[in-house]
């Protein structure tokens, strides 16, 4: 299928830059993760770009149709590839923009800049480069933290914000969550951590995929191999650990954001029923005025992989309830 080659003067600049997406596996959509499935691939109409911002390039997938734009931000243990099933559905109505976060996937791995405030500025620069105005955000895990920093710094650029199953540093009940043994990895970073994990990336990542899925759900084997290979690239684990290392600074920044103003755009707070559940809405009510709670029963932390149909339906209802700008 050929990609879009629109050259209308009023078309977003990405449409005039579109190129083929170099992925070669089948699209997975709507299947629970108990069965092994191929790593999902984006529709052939999606393009890929490496775009500069805040001293580093982000690897970005772009596709869909419509003047309204949606940005999807992934979390730890995955890359922007995770969003393919949702992107395929959103592309029917929206322009969809999906970066690999700073230092992760196929994005550049600079020495610094892993605090989420800086990553939000990088996202703003990338969107400026694409000629994209206001966007809706859909985020998961560490993507939540980048998304909140973006919405707090650029509230006029965010129309809606769907945030999925991970807390925000510094926003309560952060203190209680940080005491849990299950999140020891938040303090696991540095040269020795890198040496311990080197060549054992799959073992380290299996811990997340195994322990954070709901009982009875299994993160697909083919996806594990795909992401382990990406996180096994030179410097990739150092950059991934930097995301955790920045949490202390993120907590300081988030408290300052929250003290300045609450978010005013509609927020959908989604928790896996066997993970953060209703805590997501409790977190977001500390920083936003208009929060809708959604709990996906039977899902652990990997909500899209464990309960794709339910999550995709919830996100589409939230984004399509009224026209986005």
Protein backbone atom coordinates (compact mmCIF):
# COMPACT_ATOMS: atom_id res chain seq x y z
CA UNK A 1 0.00 0.00 0.00
CA UNK A 2 1.59 3.36 -0.93
CA UNK A 3 2.04 5.98 1.74
CA UNK A 4 0.34 9.36 1.69
CA UNK A 5 2.10 11.91 -0.53
CA UNK A 6 -0.19 14.87 0.05
CA UNK A 7 1.48 18.13 -0.92
CA UNK A 8 -1.39 20.53 -0.20
CA UNK A 9 -0.08 23.85 1.10
CA UNK A 10 -2.11 23.49 4.30
CA UNK A 11 -1.07 19.87 4.96
CA UNK A 12 1.10 19.20 8.04
CA UNK A 13 4.78 19.09 7.04
CA UNK A 14 5.13 15.41 8.02
CA UNK A 15 2.72 14.51 5.18
CA UNK A 16 5.14 16.05 2.70
CA UNK A 17 8.06 14.06 4.22
CA UNK A 18 6.39 10.66 4.44
CA UNK A 19 8.46 7.56 3.65
CA UNK A 20 8.01 3.81 4.04
CA UNK A 21 8.04 2.23 7.49
CA UNK A 22 10.71 -0.50 7.67
CA UNK A 23 8.98 -3.14 9.76
CA UNK A 24 8.32 -6.68 8.58
CA UNK A 25 5.97 -8.49 10.95
CA UNK A 26 2.20 -8.82 11.15
CA UNK A 27 -0.11 -6.36 12.91
CA UNK A 28 -1.55 -7.64 16.15
CA UNK A 29 -4.86 -6.06 17.17
CA UNK A 30 -7.42 -7.13 19.71
CA UNK A 31 -5.72 -10.29 20.97
CA UNK A 32 -5.08 -10.98 24.67
CA UNK A 33 -1.45 -11.59 25.55
CA UNK A 34 -1.88 -15.12 26.90
CA UNK A 35 -1.04 -16.47 23.42
CA UNK A 36 2.25 -15.72 21.70
CA UNK A 37 1.75 -13.32 18.80
CA UNK A 38 4.01 -11.57 16.31
CA UNK A 39 5.35 -8.18 17.29
CA UNK A 40 2.79 -5.63 16.05
CA UNK A 41 3.62 -3.48 13.05
CA UNK A 42 2.21 -0.13 12.03
CA UNK A 43 0.13 0.29 8.88
CA UNK A 44 2.26 0.73 5.75
CA UNK A 45 0.96 4.28 5.39
CA UNK A 46 2.96 5.34 8.47
CA UNK A 47 6.23 7.17 7.92
CA UNK A 48 9.33 7.33 10.10
CA UNK A 49 11.49 10.37 10.84
CA UNK A 50 14.48 11.08 13.06
CA UNK A 51 13.81 14.56 14.44
CA UNK A 52 16.02 16.87 16.50
CA UNK A 53 15.17 18.48 19.83
CA UNK A 54 17.05 19.38 23.03
CA UNK A 55 20.37 18.13 21.69
CA UNK A 56 19.27 14.68 20.53
CA UNK A 57 17.17 13.02 17.86
CA UNK A 58 13.93 11.15 18.47
CA UNK A 59 12.86 8.27 16.24
CA UNK A 60 9.25 9.10 15.37
CA UNK A 61 6.47 7.22 13.56
CA UNK A 62 3.80 9.36 11.92
CA UNK A 63 0.58 8.38 10.18
CA UNK A 64 -3.17 8.65 10.03
CA UNK A 65 -5.45 11.36 8.76
CA UNK A 66 -7.24 14.39 10.13
CA UNK A 67 -6.08 17.75 11.41
CA UNK A 68 -6.44 16.63 15.05
CA UNK A 69 -3.24 14.99 16.33
CA UNK A 70 -2.61 12.37 19.01
CA UNK A 71 0.81 11.68 20.56
CA UNK A 72 1.46 8.22 22.06
CA UNK A 73 4.29 7.89 24.63
CA UNK A 74 5.59 4.47 25.72
CA UNK A 75 7.23 3.31 28.94
CA UNK A 76 10.10 1.17 30.23
CA UNK A 77 10.62 -2.30 28.82
CA UNK A 78 9.08 -1.32 25.51
CA UNK A 79 9.41 1.26 22.72
CA UNK A 80 6.94 3.15 20.56
CA UNK A 81 6.33 -0.19 18.81
CA UNK A 82 3.95 -1.10 21.64
CA UNK A 83 1.34 1.32 20.29
CA UNK A 84 0.84 -0.28 16.85
CA UNK A 85 -2.59 -1.86 17.63
CA UNK A 86 -3.95 1.40 19.04
CA UNK A 87 -2.32 3.52 16.33
CA UNK A 88 -4.00 1.48 13.61
CA UNK A 89 -7.40 2.32 15.06
CA UNK A 90 -6.71 5.97 15.86
CA UNK A 91 -5.27 6.56 12.39
CA UNK A 92 -8.79 6.23 10.99
CA UNK A 93 -9.62 9.66 12.44
CA UNK A 94 -6.45 11.32 13.74
CA UNK A 95 -2.90 12.16 12.81
CA UNK A 96 -0.89 9.84 15.11
CA UNK A 97 2.65 10.66 16.30
CA UNK A 98 4.68 8.03 18.16
CA UNK A 99 8.26 8.69 19.29
CA UNK A 100 10.72 6.40 21.00
CA UNK A 101 11.57 8.26 24.20
CA UNK A 102 14.99 9.85 24.63
CA UNK A 103 17.65 7.15 24.85
CA UNK A 104 15.22 4.31 24.14
CA UNK A 105 14.42 2.22 21.09
CA UNK A 106 15.92 3.83 17.99
CA UNK A 107 16.20 7.33 19.46
CA UNK A 108 19.60 8.86 20.26
CA UNK A 109 21.22 8.13 23.62
CA UNK A 110 22.85 11.37 24.83
CA UNK A 111 24.71 11.61 28.12
CA UNK A 112 22.03 13.65 29.87
CA UNK A 113 18.62 15.24 29.62
CA UNK A 114 16.59 12.32 31.02
CA UNK A 115 14.59 14.39 33.47
CA UNK A 116 11.05 14.50 32.19
CA UNK A 117 10.92 18.29 32.04
CA UNK A 118 13.71 18.26 29.45
CA UNK A 119 12.11 15.37 27.56
CA UNK A 120 8.86 17.34 27.40
CA UNK A 121 10.72 20.29 25.88
CA UNK A 122 12.26 17.87 23.38
CA UNK A 123 8.79 16.66 22.42
CA UNK A 124 7.64 20.26 21.98
CA UNK A 125 10.59 20.93 19.65
CA UNK A 126 9.79 17.81 17.60
CA UNK A 127 6.14 18.82 17.26
CA UNK A 128 7.23 22.31 16.22
CA UNK A 129 9.45 20.74 13.57
CA UNK A 130 6.51 18.77 12.27
CA UNK A 131 4.30 21.84 12.17
CA UNK A 132 1.85 20.22 14.62
CA UNK A 133 -0.22 22.38 16.96
CA UNK A 134 -2.40 21.15 19.86
CA UNK A 135 -2.36 17.40 20.51
CA UNK A 136 -4.07 14.81 22.63
CA UNK A 137 -1.74 12.67 24.75
CA UNK A 138 -2.01 8.92 25.38
CA UNK A 139 0.77 7.69 27.66
CA UNK A 140 1.93 4.64 29.63
CA UNK A 141 4.48 4.11 32.41
CA UNK A 142 7.46 6.51 32.03
CA UNK A 143 5.57 8.03 29.13
CA UNK A 144 3.09 9.25 31.78
CA UNK A 145 5.85 11.29 33.39
CA UNK A 146 6.95 12.88 30.12
CA UNK A 147 3.30 13.49 29.23
CA UNK A 148 2.56 15.24 32.52
CA UNK A 149 5.68 17.42 32.21
CA UNK A 150 4.56 18.36 28.69
CA UNK A 151 0.97 19.13 29.73
CA UNK A 152 2.14 21.15 32.75
CA UNK A 153 4.62 23.23 30.74
CA UNK A 154 2.45 23.62 27.62
CA UNK A 155 -1.18 23.39 28.79
CA UNK A 156 -2.43 25.21 25.71
CA UNK A 157 -0.92 22.51 23.49
CA UNK A 158 -2.83 19.60 25.07
CA UNK A 159 -6.49 19.00 24.27
CA UNK A 160 -6.95 15.73 26.20
CA UNK A 161 -4.70 13.47 28.26
CA UNK A 162 -5.17 9.70 28.70
CA UNK A 163 -2.64 8.37 31.23
CA UNK A 164 -2.17 4.63 31.82
CA UNK A 165 -0.95 2.71 34.86
CA UNK A 166 2.06 4.37 36.47
CA UNK A 167 2.39 7.09 39.13
CA UNK A 168 4.01 10.51 38.84
CA UNK A 169 7.21 11.20 40.80
CA UNK A 170 6.52 13.51 43.72
CA UNK A 171 2.72 13.34 43.42
CA UNK A 172 1.09 11.36 46.21
CA UNK A 173 0.76 8.53 46.93
CA UNK A 174 4.29 8.55 45.46
CA UNK A 175 5.94 8.33 48.90
CA UNK A 176 4.01 5.19 49.84
CA UNK A 177 4.52 3.57 46.42
CA UNK A 178 8.26 4.25 46.48
CA UNK A 179 8.60 2.23 49.72
CA UNK A 180 7.33 -0.95 48.08
CA UNK A 181 9.88 -3.68 47.43
CA UNK A 182 8.38 -4.23 43.97
CA UNK A 183 9.84 -0.94 42.72
CA UNK A 184 13.46 -1.57 43.77
CA UNK A 185 14.43 -0.95 40.14
CA UNK A 186 13.79 2.77 40.62
CA UNK A 187 17.08 2.89 42.54
CA UNK A 188 18.96 0.39 40.35
CA UNK A 189 21.19 2.44 38.08
CA UNK A 190 24.81 3.44 37.62
CA UNK A 191 27.97 1.79 36.33
CA UNK A 192 27.69 -1.35 38.46
CA UNK A 193 24.06 -1.88 37.47
CA UNK A 194 25.10 -1.56 33.83
CA UNK A 195 27.86 -4.15 34.30
CA UNK A 196 25.51 -6.58 36.03
CA UNK A 197 22.91 -6.37 33.26
CA UNK A 198 25.30 -6.29 30.28
CA UNK A 199 24.62 -9.37 28.15
CA UNK A 200 21.72 -10.27 30.48
CA UNK A 201 19.21 -7.70 29.29
CA UNK A 202 16.61 -10.36 28.58
CA UNK A 203 16.89 -11.75 32.14
CA UNK A 204 16.48 -8.27 33.62
CA UNK A 205 13.52 -7.37 31.40
CA UNK A 206 11.79 -10.71 31.94
CA UNK A 207 11.37 -9.70 35.56
CA UNK A 208 9.18 -6.76 34.51
CA UNK A 209 7.17 -8.68 31.94
CA UNK A 210 6.59 -11.60 34.34
CA UNK A 211 5.91 -9.81 37.63
CA UNK A 212 3.88 -6.86 36.38
CA UNK A 213 1.42 -8.82 34.22
CA UNK A 214 -1.75 -10.02 35.95
CA UNK A 215 -1.79 -13.69 37.02
CA UNK A 216 -2.77 -15.84 34.06
CA UNK A 217 -1.60 -13.28 31.52
CA UNK A 218 1.69 -13.85 29.71
CA UNK A 219 3.66 -11.20 27.89
CA UNK A 220 4.26 -12.65 24.39
CA UNK A 221 7.59 -14.37 23.76
CA UNK A 222 8.18 -12.77 20.38
CA UNK A 223 7.74 -9.30 21.86
CA UNK A 224 10.26 -10.12 24.60
CA UNK A 225 12.89 -11.01 22.03
CA UNK A 226 12.15 -7.88 20.01
CA UNK A 227 12.49 -5.49 22.95
CA UNK A 228 15.44 -7.34 24.53
CA UNK A 229 17.36 -6.87 21.29
CA UNK A 230 16.62 -3.14 21.28
CA UNK A 231 17.59 -2.73 24.95
CA UNK A 232 20.74 -4.78 24.25
CA UNK A 233 22.12 -2.17 21.85
CA UNK A 234 25.32 -0.39 23.00
CA UNK A 235 24.45 2.24 25.60
CA UNK A 236 20.75 1.38 25.64
CA UNK A 237 20.58 0.12 29.22
CA UNK A 238 22.61 3.08 30.50
CA UNK A 239 20.09 5.42 28.87
CA UNK A 240 17.16 3.38 30.21
CA UNK A 241 18.59 3.50 33.74
CA UNK A 242 18.94 7.28 33.38
CA UNK A 243 15.15 7.46 33.18
CA UNK A 244 14.98 6.07 36.74
CA UNK A 245 17.96 8.07 37.98
CA UNK A 246 16.08 11.26 37.05
CA UNK A 247 13.09 10.46 39.27
CA UNK A 248 14.36 12.59 42.17
CA UNK A 249 14.60 15.64 39.92
CA UNK A 250 11.27 14.74 38.33
CA UNK A 251 9.67 14.74 41.80
CA UNK A 252 10.98 18.25 42.46
CA UNK A 253 9.75 19.47 39.08
CA UNK A 254 6.32 17.83 39.40
CA UNK A 255 5.68 19.35 42.81
CA UNK A 256 6.51 22.74 41.35
CA UNK A 257 4.19 22.16 38.38
CA UNK A 258 1.34 21.07 40.68
CA UNK A 259 1.83 24.05 43.01
CA UNK A 260 1.64 26.46 40.08
CA UNK A 261 -1.59 25.20 38.51
CA UNK A 262 -3.70 22.12 37.97
CA UNK A 263 -4.24 20.77 34.49
CA UNK A 264 -7.52 21.99 33.03
CA UNK A 265 -7.86 19.68 30.01
CA UNK A 266 -9.96 16.49 30.37
CA UNK A 267 -7.91 13.60 31.79
CA UNK A 268 -8.66 9.88 31.52
CA UNK A 269 -6.84 8.00 34.31
CA UNK A 270 -6.59 4.30 33.39
CA UNK A 271 -5.40 1.62 35.80
CA UNK A 272 -5.02 -2.10 35.33
CA UNK A 273 -7.40 -3.86 37.70
CA UNK A 274 -4.51 -6.02 38.96
CA UNK A 275 -2.05 -3.13 39.04
CA UNK A 276 -2.53 0.54 39.94
CA UNK A 277 -6.32 0.40 39.47
CA UNK A 278 -8.13 3.34 41.07
CA UNK A 279 -4.82 4.82 42.28
CA UNK A 280 -4.35 6.36 38.85
CA UNK A 281 -7.39 8.58 39.28
CA UNK A 282 -6.29 9.47 42.83
CA UNK A 283 -2.89 10.57 41.51
CA UNK A 284 -4.34 12.66 38.72
CA UNK A 285 -6.93 14.39 40.90
CA UNK A 286 -3.97 15.91 42.75
CA UNK A 287 -2.80 17.62 39.55
CA UNK A 288 -5.89 17.95 37.32
CA UNK A 289 -9.41 19.34 37.67
CA UNK A 290 -11.31 17.16 35.18
CA UNK A 291 -10.47 13.49 35.77
CA UNK A 292 -12.40 10.44 34.58
CA UNK A 293 -11.52 7.10 36.18
CA UNK A 294 -11.24 3.89 34.15
CA UNK A 295 -10.16 0.50 35.53
CA UNK A 296 -9.48 -2.32 33.05
CA UNK A 297 -10.51 -5.52 34.83
CA UNK A 298 -8.16 -8.47 34.49
CA UNK A 299 -5.19 -6.35 33.37
CA UNK A 300 -1.89 -5.91 35.11
CA UNK A 301 0.57 -3.15 34.25
CA UNK A 302 0.82 -4.09 30.56
CA UNK A 303 -2.73 -2.96 29.90
CA UNK A 304 -2.55 -2.69 26.12
CA UNK A 305 -0.91 -6.08 25.74
CA UNK A 306 -3.11 -7.84 28.30
CA UNK A 307 -6.50 -6.31 27.47
CA UNK A 308 -6.08 -4.57 24.09
CA UNK A 309 -9.74 -4.49 23.05
CA UNK A 310 -10.87 -2.93 26.33
CA UNK A 311 -8.12 -0.32 26.41
CA UNK A 312 -8.48 0.64 22.75
CA UNK A 313 -12.23 1.09 23.24
CA UNK A 314 -11.71 3.24 26.34
CA UNK A 315 -9.16 5.49 24.65
CA UNK A 316 -11.28 5.89 21.53
CA UNK A 317 -14.35 6.82 23.60
CA UNK A 318 -12.31 9.43 25.42
CA UNK A 319 -10.73 10.95 22.32
CA UNK A 320 -13.85 10.84 20.16
CA UNK A 321 -16.35 12.21 22.68
CA UNK A 322 -16.00 15.64 21.10
CA UNK A 323 -13.96 16.98 18.18
CA UNK A 324 -10.30 17.71 18.96
CA UNK A 325 -8.86 20.97 17.75
